[in-house]
PDB file of all heavy atoms in Angstrom:
ATOM      1  N   PRO A   1     -60.234   5.388  46.144  1.00  0.00           N
ATOM      2  CA  PRO A   1     -61.423   6.032  46.718  1.00  0.00           C
ATOM      3  C   PRO A   1     -62.578   5.042  46.804  1.00  0.00           C
ATOM      4  O   PRO A   1     -62.500   3.950  46.221  1.00  0.00           O
ATOM      5  CB  PRO A   1     -61.719   7.147  45.713  1.00  0.00           C
ATOM      6  CG  PRO A   1     -61.216   6.599  44.407  1.00  0.00           C
ATOM      7  CD  PRO A   1     -59.976   5.828  44.761  1.00  0.00           C
ATOM      8  N   PRO A   2     -63.659   5.369  47.513  1.00  0.00           N
ATOM      9  CA  PRO A   2     -64.815   4.469  47.576  1.00  0.00           C
ATOM     10  C   PRO A   2     -65.334   4.140  46.173  1.00  0.00           C
ATOM     11  O   PRO A   2     -65.696   5.029  45.407  1.00  0.00           O
ATOM     12  CB  PRO A   2     -65.849   5.275  48.373  1.00  0.00           C
ATOM     13  CG  PRO A   2     -65.035   6.196  49.208  1.00  0.00           C
ATOM     14  CD  PRO A   2     -63.858   6.562  48.359  1.00  0.00           C
ATOM     15  N   THR A   3     -65.327   2.885  45.847  1.00  0.00           N
ATOM     16  CA  THR A   3     -65.783   2.412  44.544  1.00  0.00           C
ATOM     17  C   THR A   3     -66.064   0.924  44.638  1.00  0.00           C
ATOM     18  O   THR A   3     -65.657   0.270  45.612  1.00  0.00           O
ATOM     19  CB  THR A   3     -64.734   2.692  43.445  1.00  0.00           C
ATOM     20  OG1 THR A   3     -65.290   2.403  42.157  1.00  0.00           O
ATOM     21  CG2 THR A   3     -63.486   1.832  43.645  1.00  0.00           C
ATOM     22  N   VAL A   4     -66.761   0.379  43.659  1.00  0.00           N
ATOM     23  CA  VAL A   4     -66.952  -1.059  43.542  1.00  0.00           C
ATOM     24  C   VAL A   4     -65.961  -1.553  42.497  1.00  0.00           C
ATOM     25  O   VAL A   4     -66.095  -1.250  41.312  1.00  0.00           O
ATOM     26  CB  VAL A   4     -68.388  -1.417  43.127  1.00  0.00           C
ATOM     27  CG1 VAL A   4     -68.537  -2.937  42.978  1.00  0.00           C
ATOM     28  CG2 VAL A   4     -69.398  -0.880  44.139  1.00  0.00           C
ATOM     29  N   ALA A   5     -64.931  -2.265  42.937  1.00  0.00           N
ATOM     30  CA  ALA A   5     -63.899  -2.771  42.034  1.00  0.00           C
ATOM     31  C   ALA A   5     -64.174  -4.234  41.729  1.00  0.00           C
ATOM     32  O   ALA A   5     -64.384  -5.038  42.643  1.00  0.00           O
ATOM     33  CB  ALA A   5     -62.513  -2.604  42.659  1.00  0.00           C
ATOM     34  N   ILE A   6     -64.160  -4.572  40.446  1.00  0.00           N
ATOM     35  CA  ILE A   6     -64.492  -5.922  39.994  1.00  0.00           C
ATOM     36  C   ILE A   6     -63.350  -6.455  39.140  1.00  0.00           C
ATOM     37  O   ILE A   6     -62.947  -5.814  38.164  1.00  0.00           O
ATOM     38  CB  ILE A   6     -65.791  -5.920  39.161  1.00  0.00           C
ATOM     39  CG1 ILE A   6     -66.949  -5.339  39.986  1.00  0.00           C
ATOM     40  CG2 ILE A   6     -66.126  -7.326  38.674  1.00  0.00           C
ATOM     41  CD1 ILE A   6     -68.177  -5.015  39.149  1.00  0.00           C
ATOM     42  N   THR A   7     -62.807  -7.613  39.505  1.00  0.00           N
ATOM     43  CA  THR A   7     -61.820  -8.268  38.641  1.00  0.00           C
ATOM     44  C   THR A   7     -62.584  -8.879  37.471  1.00  0.00           C
ATOM     45  O   THR A   7     -63.264  -9.884  37.625  1.00  0.00           O
ATOM     46  CB  THR A   7     -61.033  -9.344  39.402  1.00  0.00           C
ATOM     47  OG1 THR A   7     -61.951 -10.276  40.000  1.00  0.00           O
ATOM     48  CG2 THR A   7     -60.173  -8.721  40.493  1.00  0.00           C
ATOM     49  N   ALA A   8     -62.460  -8.248  36.317  1.00  0.00           N
ATOM     50  CA  ALA A   8     -63.353  -8.572  35.205  1.00  0.00           C
ATOM     51  C   ALA A   8     -62.677  -9.321  34.067  1.00  0.00           C
ATOM     52  O   ALA A   8     -63.339  -9.710  33.106  1.00  0.00           O
ATOM     53  CB  ALA A   8     -63.993  -7.289  34.670  1.00  0.00           C
ATOM     54  N   GLY A   9     -61.340  -9.502  34.124  1.00  0.00           N
ATOM     55  CA  GLY A   9     -60.665 -10.306  33.121  1.00  0.00           C
ATOM     56  C   GLY A   9     -60.890  -9.819  31.704  1.00  0.00           C
ATOM     57  O   GLY A   9     -60.558  -8.682  31.354  1.00  0.00           O
ATOM     58  N   ALA A  10     -61.505 -10.665  30.886  1.00  0.00           N
ATOM     59  CA  ALA A  10     -61.703 -10.356  29.464  1.00  0.00           C
ATOM     60  C   ALA A  10     -63.019  -9.637  29.194  1.00  0.00           C
ATOM     61  O   ALA A  10     -63.445  -9.552  28.038  1.00  0.00           O
ATOM     62  CB  ALA A  10     -61.635 -11.643  28.645  1.00  0.00           C
ATOM     63  N   LEU A  11     -63.653  -9.086  30.227  1.00  0.00           N
ATOM     64  CA  LEU A  11     -64.921  -8.384  30.025  1.00  0.00           C
ATOM     65  C   LEU A  11     -64.775  -7.259  29.010  1.00  0.00           C
ATOM     66  O   LEU A  11     -65.687  -7.005  28.213  1.00  0.00           O
ATOM     67  CB  LEU A  11     -65.426  -7.830  31.357  1.00  0.00           C
ATOM     68  CG  LEU A  11     -66.670  -6.935  31.280  1.00  0.00           C
ATOM     69  CD1 LEU A  11     -67.864  -7.711  30.749  1.00  0.00           C
ATOM     70  CD2 LEU A  11     -66.995  -6.336  32.641  1.00  0.00           C
ATOM     71  N   VAL A  12     -63.628  -6.582  29.018  1.00  0.00           N
ATOM     72  CA  VAL A  12     -63.429  -5.475  28.089  1.00  0.00           C
ATOM     73  C   VAL A  12     -63.536  -5.954  26.645  1.00  0.00           C
ATOM     74  O   VAL A  12     -64.091  -5.263  25.782  1.00  0.00           O
ATOM     75  CB  VAL A  12     -62.066  -4.784  28.356  1.00  0.00           C
ATOM     76  CG1 VAL A  12     -60.899  -5.735  28.094  1.00  0.00           C
ATOM     77  CG2 VAL A  12     -61.927  -3.512  27.533  1.00  0.00           C
ATOM     78  N   ASP A  13     -63.030  -7.156  26.353  1.00  0.00           N
ATOM     79  CA  ASP A  13     -63.117  -7.708  24.999  1.00  0.00           C
ATOM     80  C   ASP A  13     -64.549  -8.094  24.651  1.00  0.00           C
ATOM     81  O   ASP A  13     -64.984  -7.925  23.505  1.00  0.00           O
ATOM     82  CB  ASP A  13     -62.193  -8.919  24.870  1.00  0.00           C
ATOM     83  CG  ASP A  13     -60.728  -8.550  25.077  1.00  0.00           C
ATOM     84  OD1 ASP A  13     -60.269  -7.601  24.438  1.00  0.00           O
ATOM     85  OD2 ASP A  13     -60.067  -9.218  25.887  1.00  0.00           O
ATOM     86  N   HIS A  14     -65.278  -8.620  25.629  1.00  0.00           N
ATOM     87  CA  HIS A  14     -66.687  -8.949  25.403  1.00  0.00           C
ATOM     88  C   HIS A  14     -67.490  -7.688  25.136  1.00  0.00           C
ATOM     89  O   HIS A  14     -68.309  -7.637  24.209  1.00  0.00           O
ATOM     90  CB  HIS A  14     -67.262  -9.682  26.614  1.00  0.00           C
ATOM     91  CG  HIS A  14     -66.727 -11.066  26.801  1.00  0.00           C
ATOM     92  ND1 HIS A  14     -67.169 -12.150  26.065  1.00  0.00           N
ATOM     93  CD2 HIS A  14     -65.793 -11.553  27.652  1.00  0.00           C
ATOM     94  CE1 HIS A  14     -66.518 -13.241  26.446  1.00  0.00           C
ATOM     95  NE2 HIS A  14     -65.687 -12.909  27.407  1.00  0.00           N
ATOM     96  N   ALA A  15     -67.262  -6.644  25.959  1.00  0.00           N
ATOM     97  CA  ALA A  15     -68.020  -5.404  25.832  1.00  0.00           C
ATOM     98  C   ALA A  15     -67.758  -4.735  24.486  1.00  0.00           C
ATOM     99  O   ALA A  15     -68.659  -4.128  23.889  1.00  0.00           O
ATOM    100  CB  ALA A  15     -67.656  -4.459  26.978  1.00  0.00           C
ATOM    101  N   ALA A  16     -66.517  -4.841  24.001  1.00  0.00           N
ATOM    102  CA  ALA A  16     -66.157  -4.223  22.728  1.00  0.00           C
ATOM    103  C   ALA A  16     -66.593  -5.055  21.528  1.00  0.00           C
ATOM    104  O   ALA A  16     -66.417  -4.641  20.377  1.00  0.00           O
ATOM    105  CB  ALA A  16     -64.647  -3.992  22.671  1.00  0.00           C
ATOM    106  N   GLY A  17     -67.144  -6.243  21.773  1.00  0.00           N
ATOM    107  CA  GLY A  17     -67.581  -7.102  20.691  1.00  0.00           C
ATOM    108  C   GLY A  17     -66.455  -7.868  20.032  1.00  0.00           C
ATOM    109  O   GLY A  17     -66.640  -8.453  18.959  1.00  0.00           O
ATOM    110  N   ARG A  18     -65.282  -7.894  20.684  1.00  0.00           N
ATOM    111  CA  ARG A  18     -64.141  -8.625  20.104  1.00  0.00           C
ATOM    112  C   ARG A  18     -64.229 -10.126  20.377  1.00  0.00           C
ATOM    113  O   ARG A  18     -63.648 -10.922  19.657  1.00  0.00           O
ATOM    114  CB  ARG A  18     -62.830  -8.082  20.694  1.00  0.00           C
ATOM    115  CG  ARG A  18     -62.594  -6.596  20.454  1.00  0.00           C
ATOM    116  CD  ARG A  18     -62.422  -6.275  18.986  1.00  0.00           C
ATOM    117  NE  ARG A  18     -62.156  -4.874  18.738  1.00  0.00           N
ATOM    118  CZ  ARG A  18     -60.929  -4.361  18.605  1.00  0.00           C
ATOM    119  NH1 ARG A  18     -59.870  -5.151  18.709  1.00  0.00           N
ATOM    120  NH2 ARG A  18     -60.779  -3.074  18.373  1.00  0.00           N
ATOM    121  N   VAL A  19     -64.924 -10.490  21.456  1.00  0.00           N
ATOM    122  CA  VAL A  19     -65.050 -11.899  21.842  1.00  0.00           C
ATOM    123  C   VAL A  19     -66.514 -12.169  22.156  1.00  0.00           C
ATOM    124  O   VAL A  19     -67.171 -11.364  22.826  1.00  0.00           O
ATOM    125  CB  VAL A  19     -64.186 -12.232  23.078  1.00  0.00           C
ATOM    126  CG1 VAL A  19     -64.407 -13.680  23.506  1.00  0.00           C
ATOM    127  CG2 VAL A  19     -62.717 -11.981  22.787  1.00  0.00           C
ATOM    128  N   ARG A  20     -67.026 -13.276  21.664  1.00  0.00           N
ATOM    129  CA  ARG A  20     -68.407 -13.670  21.945  1.00  0.00           C
ATOM    130  C   ARG A  20     -68.425 -14.764  23.001  1.00  0.00           C
ATOM    131  O   ARG A  20     -67.606 -15.676  22.972  1.00  0.00           O
ATOM    132  CB  ARG A  20     -69.096 -14.201  20.689  1.00  0.00           C
ATOM    133  CG  ARG A  20     -69.491 -13.141  19.696  1.00  0.00           C
ATOM    134  CD  ARG A  20     -70.306 -13.782  18.588  1.00  0.00           C
ATOM    135  NE  ARG A  20     -70.766 -12.820  17.605  1.00  0.00           N
ATOM    136  CZ  ARG A  20     -71.531 -13.133  16.576  1.00  0.00           C
ATOM    137  NH1 ARG A  20     -71.894 -14.399  16.392  1.00  0.00           N
ATOM    138  NH2 ARG A  20     -71.918 -12.204  15.735  1.00  0.00           N
ATOM    139  N   ARG A  21     -69.391 -14.654  23.896  1.00  0.00           N
ATOM    140  CA  ARG A  21     -69.558 -15.716  24.882  1.00  0.00           C
ATOM    141  C   ARG A  21     -70.262 -16.898  24.239  1.00  0.00           C
ATOM    142  O   ARG A  21     -71.162 -16.715  23.409  1.00  0.00           O
ATOM    143  CB  ARG A  21     -70.392 -15.214  26.075  1.00  0.00           C
ATOM    144  CG  ARG A  21     -69.623 -14.301  26.994  1.00  0.00           C
ATOM    145  CD  ARG A  21     -70.372 -14.093  28.309  1.00  0.00           C
ATOM    146  NE  ARG A  21     -70.670 -15.360  28.960  1.00  0.00           N
ATOM    147  CZ  ARG A  21     -69.798 -16.099  29.626  1.00  0.00           C
ATOM    148  NH1 ARG A  21     -68.545 -15.701  29.707  1.00  0.00           N
ATOM    149  NH2 ARG A  21     -70.156 -17.216  30.197  1.00  0.00           N
ATOM    150  N   PRO A  22     -69.874 -18.136  24.600  1.00  0.00           N
ATOM    151  CA  PRO A  22     -70.581 -19.304  24.075  1.00  0.00           C
ATOM    152  C   PRO A  22     -71.970 -19.389  24.695  1.00  0.00           C
ATOM    153  O   PRO A  22     -72.255 -18.726  25.700  1.00  0.00           O
ATOM    154  CB  PRO A  22     -69.698 -20.470  24.532  1.00  0.00           C
ATOM    155  CG  PRO A  22     -69.004 -19.970  25.752  1.00  0.00           C
ATOM    156  CD  PRO A  22     -68.779 -18.505  25.512  1.00  0.00           C
ATOM    157  N   PRO A  23     -72.860 -20.176  24.110  1.00  0.00           N
ATOM    158  CA  PRO A  23     -74.201 -20.337  24.690  1.00  0.00           C
ATOM    159  C   PRO A  23     -74.118 -20.818  26.133  1.00  0.00           C
ATOM    160  O   PRO A  23     -73.158 -21.498  26.529  1.00  0.00           O
ATOM    161  CB  PRO A  23     -74.847 -21.394  23.787  1.00  0.00           C
ATOM    162  CG  PRO A  23     -74.076 -21.337  22.508  1.00  0.00           C
ATOM    163  CD  PRO A  23     -72.681 -20.970  22.881  1.00  0.00           C
ATOM    164  N   ARG A  24     -75.140 -20.474  26.906  1.00  0.00           N
ATOM    165  CA  ARG A  24     -75.160 -20.829  28.324  1.00  0.00           C
ATOM    166  C   ARG A  24     -75.062 -22.333  28.526  1.00  0.00           C
ATOM    167  O   ARG A  24     -74.444 -22.800  29.484  1.00  0.00           O
ATOM    168  CB  ARG A  24     -76.437 -20.292  28.981  1.00  0.00           C
ATOM    169  CG  ARG A  24     -76.556 -20.572  30.475  1.00  0.00           C
ATOM    170  CD  ARG A  24     -75.483 -19.876  31.275  1.00  0.00           C
ATOM    171  NE  ARG A  24     -75.463 -20.346  32.659  1.00  0.00           N
ATOM    172  CZ  ARG A  24     -74.555 -19.991  33.548  1.00  0.00           C
ATOM    173  NH1 ARG A  24     -73.598 -19.165  33.216  1.00  0.00           N
ATOM    174  NH2 ARG A  24     -74.591 -20.460  34.771  1.00  0.00           N
ATOM    175  N   TRP A  25     -75.644 -23.128  27.619  1.00  0.00           N
ATOM    176  CA  TRP A  25     -75.617 -24.579  27.802  1.00  0.00           C
ATOM    177  C   TRP A  25     -74.189 -25.113  27.734  1.00  0.00           C
ATOM    178  O   TRP A  25     -73.867 -26.128  28.364  1.00  0.00           O
ATOM    179  CB  TRP A  25     -76.510 -25.278  26.783  1.00  0.00           C
ATOM    180  CG  TRP A  25     -76.087 -25.153  25.349  1.00  0.00           C
ATOM    181  CD1 TRP A  25     -76.520 -24.228  24.444  1.00  0.00           C
ATOM    182  CD2 TRP A  25     -75.138 -25.979  24.644  1.00  0.00           C
ATOM    183  NE1 TRP A  25     -75.900 -24.415  23.231  1.00  0.00           N
ATOM    184  CE2 TRP A  25     -75.064 -25.486  23.309  1.00  0.00           C
ATOM    185  CE3 TRP A  25     -74.365 -27.083  25.005  1.00  0.00           C
ATOM    186  CZ2 TRP A  25     -74.232 -26.057  22.352  1.00  0.00           C
ATOM    187  CZ3 TRP A  25     -73.536 -27.657  24.046  1.00  0.00           C
ATOM    188  CH2 TRP A  25     -73.481 -27.149  22.747  1.00  0.00           C
ATOM    189  N   VAL A  26     -73.312 -24.419  26.986  1.00  0.00           N
ATOM    190  CA  VAL A  26     -71.908 -24.831  26.925  1.00  0.00           C
ATOM    191  C   VAL A  26     -71.254 -24.642  28.289  1.00  0.00           C
ATOM    192  O   VAL A  26     -70.535 -25.518  28.785  1.00  0.00           O
ATOM    193  CB  VAL A  26     -71.155 -24.023  25.850  1.00  0.00           C
ATOM    194  CG1 VAL A  26     -69.664 -24.339  25.892  1.00  0.00           C
ATOM    195  CG2 VAL A  26     -71.719 -24.318  24.464  1.00  0.00           C
ATOM    196  N   ALA A  27     -71.511 -23.482  28.914  1.00  0.00           N
ATOM    197  CA  ALA A  27     -70.968 -23.228  30.249  1.00  0.00           C
ATOM    198  C   ALA A  27     -71.548 -24.208  31.258  1.00  0.00           C
ATOM    199  O   ALA A  27     -70.838 -24.701  32.152  1.00  0.00           O
ATOM    200  CB  ALA A  27     -71.273 -21.793  30.669  1.00  0.00           C
ATOM    201  N   ASN A  28     -72.836 -24.513  31.141  1.00  0.00           N
ATOM    202  CA  ASN A  28     -73.469 -25.445  32.083  1.00  0.00           C
ATOM    203  C   ASN A  28     -72.863 -26.839  31.989  1.00  0.00           C
ATOM    204  O   ASN A  28     -72.849 -27.589  32.973  1.00  0.00           O
ATOM    205  CB  ASN A  28     -74.975 -25.522  31.811  1.00  0.00           C
ATOM    206  CG  ASN A  28     -75.697 -24.250  32.225  1.00  0.00           C
ATOM    207  OD1 ASN A  28     -75.197 -23.467  33.033  1.00  0.00           O
ATOM    208  ND2 ASN A  28     -76.882 -24.030  31.670  1.00  0.00           N
ATOM    209  N   MET A  29     -72.350 -27.187  30.820  1.00  0.00           N
ATOM    210  CA  MET A  29     -71.717 -28.493  30.649  1.00  0.00           C
ATOM    211  C   MET A  29     -70.242 -28.472  31.048  1.00  0.00           C
ATOM    212  O   MET A  29     -69.569 -29.498  31.004  1.00  0.00           O
ATOM    213  CB  MET A  29     -71.839 -28.953  29.185  1.00  0.00           C
ATOM    214  CG  MET A  29     -73.255 -29.282  28.748  1.00  0.00           C
ATOM    215  SD  MET A  29     -73.320 -29.837  27.038  1.00  0.00           S
ATOM    216  CE  MET A  29     -72.398 -31.374  27.132  1.00  0.00           C
ATOM    217  N   GLY A  30     -69.757 -27.300  31.442  1.00  0.00           N
ATOM    218  CA  GLY A  30     -68.360 -27.190  31.857  1.00  0.00           C
ATOM    219  C   GLY A  30     -67.385 -27.182  30.697  1.00  0.00           C
ATOM    220  O   GLY A  30     -66.202 -27.500  30.873  1.00  0.00           O
ATOM    221  N   LEU A  31     -67.854 -26.780  29.499  1.00  0.00           N
ATOM    222  CA  LEU A  31     -67.010 -26.833  28.306  1.00  0.00           C
ATOM    223  C   LEU A  31     -66.604 -25.455  27.805  1.00  0.00           C
ATOM    224  O   LEU A  31     -66.050 -25.339  26.706  1.00  0.00           O
ATOM    225  CB  LEU A  31     -67.740 -27.589  27.192  1.00  0.00           C
ATOM    226  CG  LEU A  31     -68.053 -29.067  27.473  1.00  0.00           C
ATOM    227  CD1 LEU A  31     -68.861 -29.654  26.331  1.00  0.00           C
ATOM    228  CD2 LEU A  31     -66.760 -29.848  27.687  1.00  0.00           C
ATOM    229  N   GLU A  32     -66.847 -24.423  28.589  1.00  0.00           N
ATOM    230  CA  GLU A  32     -66.506 -23.073  28.146  1.00  0.00           C
ATOM    231  C   GLU A  32     -65.002 -22.942  27.897  1.00  0.00           C
ATOM    232  O   GLU A  32     -64.563 -22.243  26.993  1.00  0.00           O
ATOM    233  CB  GLU A  32     -66.965 -22.043  29.172  1.00  0.00           C
ATOM    234  CG  GLU A  32     -66.816 -20.610  28.693  1.00  0.00           C
ATOM    235  CD  GLU A  32     -67.473 -19.622  29.639  1.00  0.00           C
ATOM    236  OE1 GLU A  32     -68.032 -20.047  30.669  1.00  0.00           O
ATOM    237  OE2 GLU A  32     -67.419 -18.417  29.341  1.00  0.00           O
ATOM    238  N   TRP A  33     -64.201 -23.643  28.713  1.00  0.00           N
ATOM    239  CA  TRP A  33     -62.746 -23.583  28.542  1.00  0.00           C
ATOM    240  C   TRP A  33     -62.328 -24.093  27.170  1.00  0.00           C
ATOM    241  O   TRP A  33     -61.386 -23.568  26.561  1.00  0.00           O
ATOM    242  CB  TRP A  33     -62.064 -24.399  29.641  1.00  0.00           C
ATOM    243  CG  TRP A  33     -62.296 -25.885  29.528  1.00  0.00           C
ATOM    244  CD1 TRP A  33     -63.331 -26.590  30.053  1.00  0.00           C
ATOM    245  CD2 TRP A  33     -61.492 -26.821  28.802  1.00  0.00           C
ATOM    246  NE1 TRP A  33     -63.220 -27.922  29.714  1.00  0.00           N
ATOM    247  CE2 TRP A  33     -62.098 -28.089  28.954  1.00  0.00           C
ATOM    248  CE3 TRP A  33     -60.315 -26.717  28.066  1.00  0.00           C
ATOM    249  CZ2 TRP A  33     -61.567 -29.243  28.384  1.00  0.00           C
ATOM    250  CZ3 TRP A  33     -59.775 -27.856  27.485  1.00  0.00           C
ATOM    251  CH2 TRP A  33     -60.406 -29.107  27.649  1.00  0.00           C
ATOM    252  N   LEU A  34     -63.047 -25.110  26.673  1.00  0.00           N
ATOM    253  CA  LEU A  34     -62.700 -25.677  25.373  1.00  0.00           C
ATOM    254  C   LEU A  34     -63.006 -24.686  24.250  1.00  0.00           C
ATOM    255  O   LEU A  34     -62.232 -24.570  23.284  1.00  0.00           O
ATOM    256  CB  LEU A  34     -63.474 -26.979  25.160  1.00  0.00           C
ATOM    257  CG  LEU A  34     -63.127 -27.799  23.918  1.00  0.00           C
ATOM    258  CD1 LEU A  34     -61.654 -28.170  23.921  1.00  0.00           C
ATOM    259  CD2 LEU A  34     -63.997 -29.045  23.849  1.00  0.00           C
ATOM    260  N   VAL A  35     -64.102 -23.957  24.396  1.00  0.00           N
ATOM    261  CA  VAL A  35     -64.449 -22.940  23.401  1.00  0.00           C
ATOM    262  C   VAL A  35     -63.405 -21.833  23.405  1.00  0.00           C
ATOM    263  O   VAL A  35     -62.937 -21.388  22.355  1.00  0.00           O
ATOM    264  CB  VAL A  35     -65.853 -22.375  23.679  1.00  0.00           C
ATOM    265  CG1 VAL A  35     -66.160 -21.213  22.732  1.00  0.00           C
ATOM    266  CG2 VAL A  35     -66.908 -23.458  23.525  1.00  0.00           C
ATOM    267  N   ARG A  36     -63.018 -21.379  24.597  1.00  0.00           N
ATOM    268  CA  ARG A  36     -62.008 -20.321  24.702  1.00  0.00           C
ATOM    269  C   ARG A  36     -60.669 -20.768  24.124  1.00  0.00           C
ATOM    270  O   ARG A  36     -59.998 -20.005  23.447  1.00  0.00           O
ATOM    271  CB  ARG A  36     -61.841 -19.901  26.161  1.00  0.00           C
ATOM    272  CG  ARG A  36     -63.041 -19.221  26.773  1.00  0.00           C
ATOM    273  CD  ARG A  36     -62.703 -18.636  28.120  1.00  0.00           C
ATOM    274  NE  ARG A  36     -61.711 -17.576  27.994  1.00  0.00           N
ATOM    275  CZ  ARG A  36     -61.066 -17.048  29.025  1.00  0.00           C
ATOM    276  NH1 ARG A  36     -61.301 -17.481  30.261  1.00  0.00           N
ATOM    277  NH2 ARG A  36     -60.181 -16.083  28.848  1.00  0.00           N
ATOM    278  N   LEU A  37     -60.306 -22.012  24.406  1.00  0.00           N
ATOM    279  CA  LEU A  37     -59.047 -22.540  23.873  1.00  0.00           C
ATOM    280  C   LEU A  37     -59.065 -22.583  22.356  1.00  0.00           C
ATOM    281  O   LEU A  37     -58.067 -22.250  21.698  1.00  0.00           O
ATOM    282  CB  LEU A  37     -58.791 -23.934  24.447  1.00  0.00           C
ATOM    283  CG  LEU A  37     -57.532 -24.657  23.946  1.00  0.00           C
ATOM    284  CD1 LEU A  37     -56.279 -23.876  24.310  1.00  0.00           C
ATOM    285  CD2 LEU A  37     -57.470 -26.077  24.533  1.00  0.00           C
ATOM    286  N   SER A  38     -60.192 -22.982  21.766  1.00  0.00           N
ATOM    287  CA  SER A  38     -60.286 -23.063  20.311  1.00  0.00           C
ATOM    288  C   SER A  38     -60.215 -21.688  19.670  1.00  0.00           C
ATOM    289  O   SER A  38     -59.746 -21.541  18.533  1.00  0.00           O
ATOM    290  CB  SER A  38     -61.587 -23.765  19.904  1.00  0.00           C
ATOM    291  OG  SER A  38     -62.720 -22.988  20.253  1.00  0.00           O
ATOM    292  N   ARG A  39     -60.654 -20.662  20.397  1.00  0.00           N
ATOM    293  CA  ARG A  39     -60.643 -19.304  19.848  1.00  0.00           C
ATOM    294  C   ARG A  39     -59.295 -18.612  20.024  1.00  0.00           C
ATOM    295  O   ARG A  39     -58.899 -17.806  19.182  1.00  0.00           O
ATOM    296  CB  ARG A  39     -61.740 -18.466  20.524  1.00  0.00           C
ATOM    297  CG  ARG A  39     -63.160 -18.859  20.125  1.00  0.00           C
ATOM    298  CD  ARG A  39     -64.170 -18.080  20.936  1.00  0.00           C
ATOM    299  NE  ARG A  39     -65.540 -18.354  20.505  1.00  0.00           N
ATOM    300  CZ  ARG A  39     -66.618 -17.916  21.134  1.00  0.00           C
ATOM    301  NH1 ARG A  39     -66.485 -17.164  22.224  1.00  0.00           N
ATOM    302  NH2 ARG A  39     -67.821 -18.200  20.688  1.00  0.00           N
ATOM    303  N   GLU A  40     -58.618 -18.897  21.140  1.00  0.00           N
ATOM    304  CA  GLU A  40     -57.344 -18.232  21.424  1.00  0.00           C
ATOM    305  C   GLU A  40     -56.288 -19.268  21.822  1.00  0.00           C
ATOM    306  O   GLU A  40     -55.779 -19.250  22.938  1.00  0.00           O
ATOM    307  CB  GLU A  40     -57.509 -17.212  22.553  1.00  0.00           C
ATOM    308  CG  GLU A  40     -58.510 -16.115  22.275  1.00  0.00           C
ATOM    309  CD  GLU A  40     -58.624 -15.155  23.440  1.00  0.00           C
ATOM    310  OE1 GLU A  40     -57.848 -14.176  23.501  1.00  0.00           O
ATOM    311  OE2 GLU A  40     -59.491 -15.391  24.306  1.00  0.00           O
ATOM    312  N   PRO A  41     -55.936 -20.183  20.908  1.00  0.00           N
ATOM    313  CA  PRO A  41     -55.014 -21.267  21.281  1.00  0.00           C
ATOM    314  C   PRO A  41     -53.622 -20.778  21.678  1.00  0.00           C
ATOM    315  O   PRO A  41     -53.016 -21.329  22.594  1.00  0.00           O
ATOM    316  CB  PRO A  41     -54.967 -22.136  20.016  1.00  0.00           C
ATOM    317  CG  PRO A  41     -55.395 -21.221  18.904  1.00  0.00           C
ATOM    318  CD  PRO A  41     -56.386 -20.291  19.511  1.00  0.00           C
ATOM    319  N   LYS A  42     -53.103 -19.759  20.996  1.00  0.00           N
ATOM    320  CA  LYS A  42     -51.754 -19.293  21.300  1.00  0.00           C
ATOM    321  C   LYS A  42     -51.656 -18.707  22.707  1.00  0.00           C
ATOM    322  O   LYS A  42     -50.633 -18.857  23.382  1.00  0.00           O
ATOM    323  CB  LYS A  42     -51.313 -18.248  20.273  1.00  0.00           C
ATOM    324  CG  LYS A  42     -51.042 -18.827  18.894  1.00  0.00           C
ATOM    325  CD  LYS A  42     -50.518 -17.750  17.956  1.00  0.00           C
ATOM    326  CE  LYS A  42     -50.214 -18.325  16.586  1.00  0.00           C
ATOM    327  NZ  LYS A  42     -49.699 -17.279  15.655  1.00  0.00           N
TER     328      LYS A  42
END
């Protein structure tokens, strides 16, 4: 039906407080992937 559908990935984990986003400066440096890898290596 008419709706706004968003591919949100891990947003549900962020919203539930299960995962924290790194500081914005980390993303600006292009290192967010490294933070995510360190948190969920498996």
